[in-house]
């Protein structure tokens, strides 16, 4: 029978592999987003294993979506419950999906606003006051739309 040693990683290595700073790894552990990490017998330094890295990669992906720390903590706790937490997981992800849709809408509006402002300054540079005024009115209307995004 062959026993396979599991690979272990320092916090520096775990940070490099997950793209999360070491300070974030410590913070996520401290506030319960991830489960406590084993410590070296003599050094007492964190020692990450493959399961820890899997957990960190999941958190890294959630963080990349802009999910709040509280929601990430809940999601990770639910994931340890398995199928019985499926409805809660779905709800958390659907709420994040709605937030991202709102952010996407706002981004599109901001892009349109910037494009209008570029066109405005092109009209100003060309001495076309009538066109500049028309664009200014459009930009003002679009700015009002931008202020409304996220309030709904």
N, C-alpha and C. Protein backbone atom coordinates (compact mmCIF):
# COMPACT_ATOMS: atom_id res chain seq x y z
N UNK A 1 0.84 -1.18 0.00
CA UNK A 1 0.00 0.00 0.00
C UNK A 1 0.89 1.24 0.00
N UNK A 2 0.62 2.13 -0.94
CA UNK A 2 1.40 3.35 -1.05
C UNK A 2 0.62 4.50 -0.45
N UNK A 3 1.27 5.27 0.37
CA UNK A 3 0.62 6.44 0.96
C UNK A 3 1.13 7.66 0.21
N UNK A 4 0.18 8.43 -0.30
CA UNK A 4 0.54 9.65 -1.03
C UNK A 4 0.52 10.83 -0.08
N UNK A 5 1.62 11.53 -0.07
CA UNK A 5 1.68 12.73 0.76
C UNK A 5 0.88 13.83 0.06
N UNK A 6 0.10 14.53 0.82
CA UNK A 6 -0.63 15.64 0.23
C UNK A 6 0.27 16.87 0.23
N UNK A 7 0.18 17.62 -0.81
CA UNK A 7 0.99 18.81 -0.97
C UNK A 7 0.49 19.86 0.00
N UNK A 8 1.41 20.57 0.61
CA UNK A 8 1.02 21.69 1.48
C UNK A 8 1.65 22.96 0.95
N UNK A 9 1.03 24.08 1.30
CA UNK A 9 1.43 25.38 0.76
C UNK A 9 1.53 26.39 1.90
N UNK A 10 2.49 27.27 1.78
CA UNK A 10 2.59 28.38 2.72
C UNK A 10 1.54 29.42 2.35
N UNK A 11 1.36 30.40 3.19
CA UNK A 11 0.40 31.46 2.89
C UNK A 11 0.85 32.24 1.65
N UNK A 12 2.16 32.40 1.50
CA UNK A 12 2.68 33.10 0.32
C UNK A 12 2.34 32.32 -0.96
N UNK A 13 2.51 31.01 -0.91
CA UNK A 13 2.19 30.18 -2.07
C UNK A 13 0.69 30.17 -2.33
N UNK A 14 -0.10 30.06 -1.28
CA UNK A 14 -1.56 30.06 -1.44
C UNK A 14 -2.03 31.39 -2.04
N UNK A 15 -1.42 32.47 -1.59
CA UNK A 15 -1.77 33.79 -2.14
C UNK A 15 -1.43 33.86 -3.63
N UNK A 16 -0.26 33.38 -4.00
CA UNK A 16 0.15 33.40 -5.41
C UNK A 16 -0.76 32.53 -6.27
N UNK A 17 -1.15 31.38 -5.76
CA UNK A 17 -1.99 30.46 -6.53
C UNK A 17 -3.43 30.94 -6.68
N UNK A 18 -3.93 31.66 -5.69
CA UNK A 18 -5.33 32.09 -5.73
C UNK A 18 -5.51 33.52 -6.23
N UNK A 19 -4.44 34.29 -6.22
CA UNK A 19 -4.55 35.69 -6.61
C UNK A 19 -5.08 36.58 -5.51
N UNK A 20 -5.22 36.02 -4.31
CA UNK A 20 -5.68 36.80 -3.16
C UNK A 20 -4.47 37.14 -2.29
N UNK A 21 -4.34 38.39 -1.86
CA UNK A 21 -3.23 38.75 -0.99
C UNK A 21 -3.26 37.95 0.32
N UNK A 22 -2.09 37.73 0.90
CA UNK A 22 -2.00 37.00 2.17
C UNK A 22 -2.86 37.66 3.24
N UNK A 23 -2.89 38.98 3.25
CA UNK A 23 -3.71 39.69 4.25
C UNK A 23 -5.19 39.35 4.08
N UNK A 24 -5.63 39.18 2.85
CA UNK A 24 -7.02 38.81 2.58
C UNK A 24 -7.29 37.38 3.02
N UNK A 25 -6.32 36.49 2.79
CA UNK A 25 -6.49 35.10 3.25
C UNK A 25 -6.66 35.06 4.77
N UNK A 26 -5.83 35.81 5.47
CA UNK A 26 -5.94 35.85 6.94
C UNK A 26 -7.28 36.45 7.36
N UNK A 27 -7.69 37.52 6.69
CA UNK A 27 -8.95 38.19 7.01
C UNK A 27 -10.14 37.25 6.78
N UNK A 28 -10.16 36.57 5.63
CA UNK A 28 -11.26 35.66 5.33
C UNK A 28 -11.35 34.54 6.37
N UNK A 29 -10.21 34.09 6.84
CA UNK A 29 -10.22 33.06 7.87
C UNK A 29 -10.73 33.65 9.19
N UNK A 30 -10.26 34.83 9.53
CA UNK A 30 -10.62 35.48 10.80
C UNK A 30 -12.12 35.72 10.90
N UNK A 31 -12.76 36.13 9.80
CA UNK A 31 -14.18 36.46 9.85
C UNK A 31 -15.09 35.30 9.46
N UNK A 32 -14.50 34.14 9.16
CA UNK A 32 -15.30 32.96 8.91
C UNK A 32 -15.77 32.76 7.48
N UNK A 33 -15.17 33.46 6.53
CA UNK A 33 -15.52 33.18 5.13
C UNK A 33 -14.99 31.80 4.74
N UNK A 34 -13.79 31.49 5.21
CA UNK A 34 -13.22 30.16 4.99
C UNK A 34 -13.04 29.47 6.34
N UNK A 35 -12.96 28.17 6.30
CA UNK A 35 -12.77 27.40 7.54
C UNK A 35 -11.35 27.64 8.06
N UNK A 36 -11.13 27.43 9.35
CA UNK A 36 -9.79 27.63 9.92
C UNK A 36 -8.74 26.77 9.20
N UNK A 37 -7.59 27.36 9.01
CA UNK A 37 -6.48 26.71 8.32
C UNK A 37 -5.57 26.03 9.35
N UNK A 38 -5.10 24.83 9.00
CA UNK A 38 -4.18 24.10 9.89
C UNK A 38 -2.91 24.92 10.09
N UNK A 39 -2.26 24.66 11.21
CA UNK A 39 -1.01 25.33 11.55
C UNK A 39 0.11 24.32 11.64
N UNK A 40 1.30 24.76 11.26
CA UNK A 40 2.48 23.92 11.39
C UNK A 40 2.74 23.58 12.84
N UNK A 41 3.18 22.36 13.11
CA UNK A 41 3.38 21.89 14.48
C UNK A 41 4.37 22.75 15.25
N UNK A 42 5.47 23.10 14.64
CA UNK A 42 6.48 23.88 15.36
C UNK A 42 6.39 25.36 15.07
N UNK A 43 6.17 25.71 13.81
CA UNK A 43 6.19 27.13 13.43
C UNK A 43 4.88 27.86 13.75
N UNK A 44 3.80 27.11 13.80
CA UNK A 44 2.44 27.66 13.99
C UNK A 44 2.00 28.53 12.80
N UNK A 45 2.74 28.47 11.68
CA UNK A 45 2.34 29.18 10.46
C UNK A 45 1.22 28.42 9.78
N UNK A 46 0.39 29.13 9.05
CA UNK A 46 -0.69 28.49 8.31
C UNK A 46 -0.10 27.53 7.28
N UNK A 47 -0.73 26.37 7.17
CA UNK A 47 -0.33 25.36 6.19
C UNK A 47 -1.59 25.00 5.40
N UNK A 48 -1.60 25.38 4.13
CA UNK A 48 -2.76 25.15 3.26
C UNK A 48 -2.60 23.83 2.53
N UNK A 49 -3.72 23.09 2.39
CA UNK A 49 -3.70 21.86 1.60
C UNK A 49 -4.58 22.07 0.36
N UNK A 50 -4.73 21.03 -0.43
CA UNK A 50 -5.51 21.14 -1.68
C UNK A 50 -6.96 21.53 -1.42
N UNK A 51 -7.56 20.99 -0.37
CA UNK A 51 -8.94 21.35 -0.03
C UNK A 51 -9.04 22.83 0.32
N UNK A 52 -8.05 23.33 1.05
CA UNK A 52 -8.03 24.75 1.39
C UNK A 52 -7.94 25.60 0.12
N UNK A 53 -7.09 25.17 -0.81
CA UNK A 53 -6.95 25.91 -2.07
C UNK A 53 -8.24 25.89 -2.87
N UNK A 54 -8.93 24.75 -2.88
CA UNK A 54 -10.23 24.67 -3.57
C UNK A 54 -11.20 25.68 -2.96
N UNK A 55 -11.22 25.74 -1.64
CA UNK A 55 -12.09 26.67 -0.92
C UNK A 55 -11.72 28.12 -1.28
N UNK A 56 -10.42 28.40 -1.31
CA UNK A 56 -9.96 29.75 -1.63
C UNK A 56 -10.26 30.13 -3.08
N UNK A 57 -10.15 29.18 -3.98
CA UNK A 57 -10.46 29.47 -5.38
C UNK A 57 -11.94 29.81 -5.54
N UNK A 58 -12.79 29.09 -4.82
CA UNK A 58 -14.23 29.39 -4.86
C UNK A 58 -14.48 30.80 -4.34
N UNK A 59 -13.85 31.14 -3.23
CA UNK A 59 -14.01 32.48 -2.66
C UNK A 59 -13.46 33.54 -3.59
N UNK A 60 -12.32 33.25 -4.20
CA UNK A 60 -11.72 34.19 -5.15
C UNK A 60 -12.67 34.49 -6.30
N UNK A 61 -13.32 33.45 -6.80
CA UNK A 61 -14.28 33.63 -7.89
C UNK A 61 -15.49 34.45 -7.44
N UNK A 62 -15.98 34.16 -6.24
CA UNK A 62 -17.11 34.94 -5.70
C UNK A 62 -16.72 36.40 -5.52
N UNK A 63 -15.52 36.62 -4.98
CA UNK A 63 -15.04 37.99 -4.78
C UNK A 63 -14.93 38.71 -6.12
N UNK A 64 -14.49 37.99 -7.16
CA UNK A 64 -14.35 38.59 -8.48
C UNK A 64 -15.69 39.04 -9.06
N UNK A 65 -16.79 38.44 -8.59
CA UNK A 65 -18.11 38.87 -9.05
C UNK A 65 -18.59 40.11 -8.30
N UNK A 66 -17.81 40.50 -7.28
CA UNK A 66 -18.23 41.64 -6.47
C UNK A 66 -19.15 41.26 -5.33
N UNK A 67 -19.26 39.97 -5.04
CA UNK A 67 -20.14 39.53 -3.96
C UNK A 67 -19.63 40.09 -2.63
N UNK A 68 -20.55 40.48 -1.77
CA UNK A 68 -20.17 41.03 -0.46
C UNK A 68 -19.54 39.94 0.40
N UNK A 69 -18.75 40.38 1.36
CA UNK A 69 -18.10 39.44 2.29
C UNK A 69 -19.16 38.64 3.06
N UNK A 70 -20.21 39.30 3.48
CA UNK A 70 -21.27 38.59 4.22
C UNK A 70 -21.91 37.51 3.36
N UNK A 71 -22.17 37.82 2.09
CA UNK A 71 -22.77 36.83 1.21
C UNK A 71 -21.78 35.70 0.91
N UNK A 72 -20.50 36.04 0.77
CA UNK A 72 -19.50 34.99 0.56
C UNK A 72 -19.43 34.06 1.76
N UNK A 73 -19.48 34.63 2.95
CA UNK A 73 -19.44 33.83 4.17
C UNK A 73 -20.64 32.88 4.20
N UNK A 74 -21.82 33.40 3.88
CA UNK A 74 -23.03 32.57 3.86
C UNK A 74 -22.93 31.49 2.79
N UNK A 75 -22.46 31.87 1.62
CA UNK A 75 -22.33 30.92 0.52
C UNK A 75 -21.40 29.77 0.89
N UNK A 76 -20.26 30.10 1.48
CA UNK A 76 -19.29 29.07 1.85
C UNK A 76 -19.83 28.18 2.96
N UNK A 77 -20.54 28.76 3.92
CA UNK A 77 -21.16 27.96 4.98
C UNK A 77 -22.21 27.03 4.38
N UNK A 78 -23.02 27.55 3.47
CA UNK A 78 -24.04 26.74 2.80
C UNK A 78 -23.41 25.61 2.00
N UNK A 79 -22.28 25.90 1.36
CA UNK A 79 -21.65 24.87 0.51
C UNK A 79 -21.23 23.66 1.33
N UNK A 80 -20.91 23.87 2.59
CA UNK A 80 -20.54 22.75 3.47
C UNK A 80 -21.77 21.91 3.85
N UNK A 81 -22.97 22.47 3.68
CA UNK A 81 -24.20 21.75 4.00
C UNK A 81 -24.69 20.87 2.85
N UNK A 82 -24.18 21.15 1.66
CA UNK A 82 -24.56 20.34 0.49
C UNK A 82 -25.97 20.64 0.00
N UNK A 83 -26.64 19.57 -0.43
CA UNK A 83 -27.94 19.68 -1.09
C UNK A 83 -29.00 20.37 -0.24
N UNK A 84 -28.93 20.23 1.07
CA UNK A 84 -29.97 20.85 1.90
C UNK A 84 -29.93 22.37 1.85
N UNK A 85 -28.82 22.94 1.37
CA UNK A 85 -28.71 24.40 1.27
C UNK A 85 -28.84 24.88 -0.17
N UNK A 86 -29.24 24.00 -1.07
CA UNK A 86 -29.30 24.35 -2.49
C UNK A 86 -30.19 25.56 -2.75
N UNK A 87 -31.34 25.62 -2.12
CA UNK A 87 -32.26 26.75 -2.34
C UNK A 87 -31.64 28.06 -1.87
N UNK A 88 -30.94 28.02 -0.73
CA UNK A 88 -30.28 29.22 -0.23
C UNK A 88 -29.15 29.65 -1.16
N UNK A 89 -28.40 28.66 -1.69
CA UNK A 89 -27.32 28.98 -2.62
C UNK A 89 -27.88 29.63 -3.87
N UNK A 90 -28.95 29.07 -4.36
CA UNK A 90 -29.59 29.61 -5.56
C UNK A 90 -30.03 31.05 -5.32
N UNK A 91 -30.63 31.30 -4.16
CA UNK A 91 -31.10 32.65 -3.84
C UNK A 91 -29.94 33.64 -3.77
N UNK A 92 -28.86 33.25 -3.09
CA UNK A 92 -27.68 34.13 -3.01
C UNK A 92 -27.15 34.47 -4.39
N UNK A 93 -27.06 33.47 -5.24
CA UNK A 93 -26.52 33.68 -6.58
C UNK A 93 -27.47 34.49 -7.46
N UNK A 94 -28.76 34.26 -7.31
CA UNK A 94 -29.73 35.05 -8.08
C UNK A 94 -29.70 36.52 -7.67
N UNK A 95 -29.53 36.78 -6.37
CA UNK A 95 -29.40 38.17 -5.91
C UNK A 95 -28.14 38.81 -6.48
N UNK A 96 -27.05 38.06 -6.51
CA UNK A 96 -25.81 38.58 -7.09
C UNK A 96 -25.99 38.82 -8.58
N UNK A 97 -26.70 37.93 -9.23
CA UNK A 97 -26.97 38.08 -10.66
C UNK A 97 -27.75 39.38 -10.92
N UNK A 98 -28.71 39.69 -10.06
CA UNK A 98 -29.48 40.94 -10.21
C UNK A 98 -28.58 42.16 -9.99
N UNK A 99 -27.71 42.08 -8.98
CA UNK A 99 -26.78 43.20 -8.73
C UNK A 99 -25.87 43.42 -9.94
N UNK A 100 -25.38 42.33 -10.50
CA UNK A 100 -24.50 42.45 -11.66
C UNK A 100 -25.24 43.01 -12.87
N UNK A 101 -26.49 42.63 -13.05
CA UNK A 101 -27.28 43.17 -14.16
C UNK A 101 -27.45 44.67 -14.01
N UNK A 102 -27.69 45.12 -12.77
CA UNK A 102 -27.81 46.56 -12.51
C UNK A 102 -26.49 47.27 -12.78
N UNK A 103 -25.39 46.68 -12.34
CA UNK A 103 -24.07 47.26 -12.60
C UNK A 103 -23.79 47.33 -14.10
N UNK A 104 -24.19 46.28 -14.82
CA UNK A 104 -23.98 46.24 -16.26
C UNK A 104 -24.76 47.35 -16.96
N UNK A 105 -25.99 47.54 -16.52
CA UNK A 105 -26.82 48.61 -17.07
C UNK A 105 -26.18 49.96 -16.82
N UNK A 106 -25.68 50.16 -15.62
CA UNK A 106 -25.03 51.42 -15.29
C UNK A 106 -23.77 51.62 -16.12
N UNK A 107 -23.02 50.57 -16.35
CA UNK A 107 -21.80 50.66 -17.15
C UNK A 107 -22.13 51.08 -18.59
N UNK A 108 -23.17 50.49 -19.16
CA UNK A 108 -23.58 50.84 -20.51
C UNK A 108 -23.98 52.32 -20.56
N UNK A 109 -24.72 52.78 -19.56
CA UNK A 109 -25.12 54.20 -19.53
C UNK A 109 -23.90 55.11 -19.40
N UNK A 110 -22.94 54.72 -18.57
CA UNK A 110 -21.72 55.53 -18.42
C UNK A 110 -20.94 55.59 -19.73
N UNK A 111 -20.89 54.45 -20.45
CA UNK A 111 -20.21 54.43 -21.75
C UNK A 111 -20.91 55.37 -22.74
N UNK A 112 -22.23 55.33 -22.75
CA UNK A 112 -22.99 56.22 -23.64
C UNK A 112 -22.74 57.68 -23.27
N UNK A 113 -22.69 57.97 -21.96
CA UNK A 113 -22.45 59.33 -21.50
C UNK A 113 -21.08 59.82 -21.96
N UNK A 114 -20.07 59.00 -21.79
CA UNK A 114 -18.71 59.39 -22.21
C UNK A 114 -18.67 59.59 -23.72
N UNK A 115 -19.31 58.71 -24.47
CA UNK A 115 -19.34 58.86 -25.93
C UNK A 115 -20.01 60.17 -26.33
N UNK A 116 -21.10 60.52 -25.63
CA UNK A 116 -21.77 61.80 -25.90
C UNK A 116 -20.85 62.98 -25.60
N UNK A 117 -20.11 62.89 -24.52
CA UNK A 117 -19.21 63.99 -24.15
C UNK A 117 -18.07 64.12 -25.17
N UNK A 118 -17.59 63.00 -25.70
CA UNK A 118 -16.57 63.06 -26.76
C UNK A 118 -17.14 63.78 -27.97
N UNK A 119 -18.36 63.40 -28.35
CA UNK A 119 -19.02 64.04 -29.49
C UNK A 119 -19.27 65.52 -29.22
N UNK A 120 -19.63 65.84 -27.99
CA UNK A 120 -19.84 67.24 -27.60
C UNK A 120 -18.57 68.05 -27.85
N UNK A 121 -17.45 67.55 -27.36
CA UNK A 121 -16.19 68.29 -27.50
C UNK A 121 -15.71 68.33 -28.95
N UNK A 122 -16.07 67.34 -29.73
CA UNK A 122 -15.77 67.39 -31.17
C UNK A 122 -16.56 68.53 -31.81
N UNK A 123 -17.83 68.67 -31.42
CA UNK A 123 -18.66 69.75 -31.95
C UNK A 123 -18.13 71.11 -31.51
N UNK A 124 -17.71 71.22 -30.25
CA UNK A 124 -17.14 72.47 -29.75
C UNK A 124 -15.88 72.81 -30.54
N UNK A 125 -15.01 71.82 -30.74
CA UNK A 125 -13.76 72.05 -31.48
C UNK A 125 -14.04 72.48 -32.92
N UNK A 126 -15.12 71.94 -33.48
CA UNK A 126 -15.49 72.28 -34.85
C UNK A 126 -16.25 73.59 -34.95
N UNK A 127 -16.57 74.19 -33.80
CA UNK A 127 -17.30 75.45 -33.80
C UNK A 127 -18.79 75.29 -34.07
N UNK A 128 -19.31 74.07 -33.92
CA UNK A 128 -20.72 73.80 -34.19
C UNK A 128 -21.50 73.94 -32.88
N UNK A 129 -21.86 75.18 -32.56
CA UNK A 129 -22.56 75.47 -31.30
C UNK A 129 -23.91 74.79 -31.21
N UNK A 130 -24.65 74.76 -32.30
CA UNK A 130 -25.99 74.15 -32.29
C UNK A 130 -25.88 72.66 -31.97
N UNK A 131 -24.93 71.98 -32.59
CA UNK A 131 -24.74 70.55 -32.33
C UNK A 131 -24.27 70.33 -30.89
N UNK A 132 -23.37 71.17 -30.41
CA UNK A 132 -22.88 71.06 -29.03
C UNK A 132 -24.02 71.22 -28.04
N UNK A 133 -24.90 72.17 -28.29
CA UNK A 133 -26.05 72.39 -27.39
C UNK A 133 -26.99 71.18 -27.41
N UNK A 134 -27.24 70.65 -28.59
CA UNK A 134 -28.10 69.47 -28.72
C UNK A 134 -27.52 68.29 -27.94
N UNK A 135 -26.23 68.08 -28.07
CA UNK A 135 -25.56 66.98 -27.38
C UNK A 135 -25.56 67.22 -25.87
N UNK A 136 -25.40 68.45 -25.46
CA UNK A 136 -25.42 68.79 -24.04
C UNK A 136 -26.75 68.42 -23.40
N UNK A 137 -27.84 68.67 -24.12
CA UNK A 137 -29.17 68.31 -23.63
C UNK A 137 -29.29 66.79 -23.51
N UNK A 138 -28.80 66.07 -24.51
CA UNK A 138 -28.83 64.61 -24.47
C UNK A 138 -28.01 64.08 -23.29
N UNK A 139 -26.85 64.68 -23.07
CA UNK A 139 -25.98 64.25 -21.97
C UNK A 139 -26.65 64.50 -20.62
N UNK A 140 -27.34 65.61 -20.51
CA UNK A 140 -28.05 65.94 -19.28
C UNK A 140 -29.14 64.90 -18.99
N UNK A 141 -29.89 64.53 -20.01
CA UNK A 141 -30.93 63.51 -19.87
C UNK A 141 -30.31 62.17 -19.46
N UNK A 142 -29.20 61.83 -20.09
CA UNK A 142 -28.53 60.58 -19.78
C UNK A 142 -27.97 60.60 -18.35
N UNK A 143 -27.49 61.75 -17.91
CA UNK A 143 -26.99 61.88 -16.53
C UNK A 143 -28.11 61.62 -15.53
N UNK A 144 -29.32 62.09 -15.86
CA UNK A 144 -30.48 61.81 -15.00
C UNK A 144 -30.76 60.30 -14.93
N UNK A 145 -30.64 59.62 -16.07
CA UNK A 145 -30.83 58.16 -16.10
C UNK A 145 -29.78 57.48 -15.23
N UNK A 146 -28.54 57.94 -15.32
CA UNK A 146 -27.46 57.35 -14.53
C UNK A 146 -27.73 57.46 -13.03
N UNK A 147 -28.26 58.58 -12.62
CA UNK A 147 -28.56 58.77 -11.19
C UNK A 147 -29.67 57.84 -10.72
N UNK A 148 -30.53 57.42 -11.64
CA UNK A 148 -31.64 56.54 -11.29
C UNK A 148 -31.24 55.07 -11.20
N UNK A 149 -30.20 54.68 -11.94
CA UNK A 149 -29.75 53.29 -11.93
C UNK A 149 -29.28 52.95 -10.52
N UNK A 150 -29.74 51.84 -10.02
CA UNK A 150 -29.35 51.40 -8.69
C UNK A 150 -30.32 51.85 -7.61
N UNK A 151 -31.12 52.90 -7.90
CA UNK A 151 -32.11 53.33 -6.92
C UNK A 151 -33.37 52.48 -7.00
N UNK A 152 -33.53 51.83 -8.15
CA UNK A 152 -34.75 51.00 -8.37
C UNK A 152 -34.67 49.71 -7.61
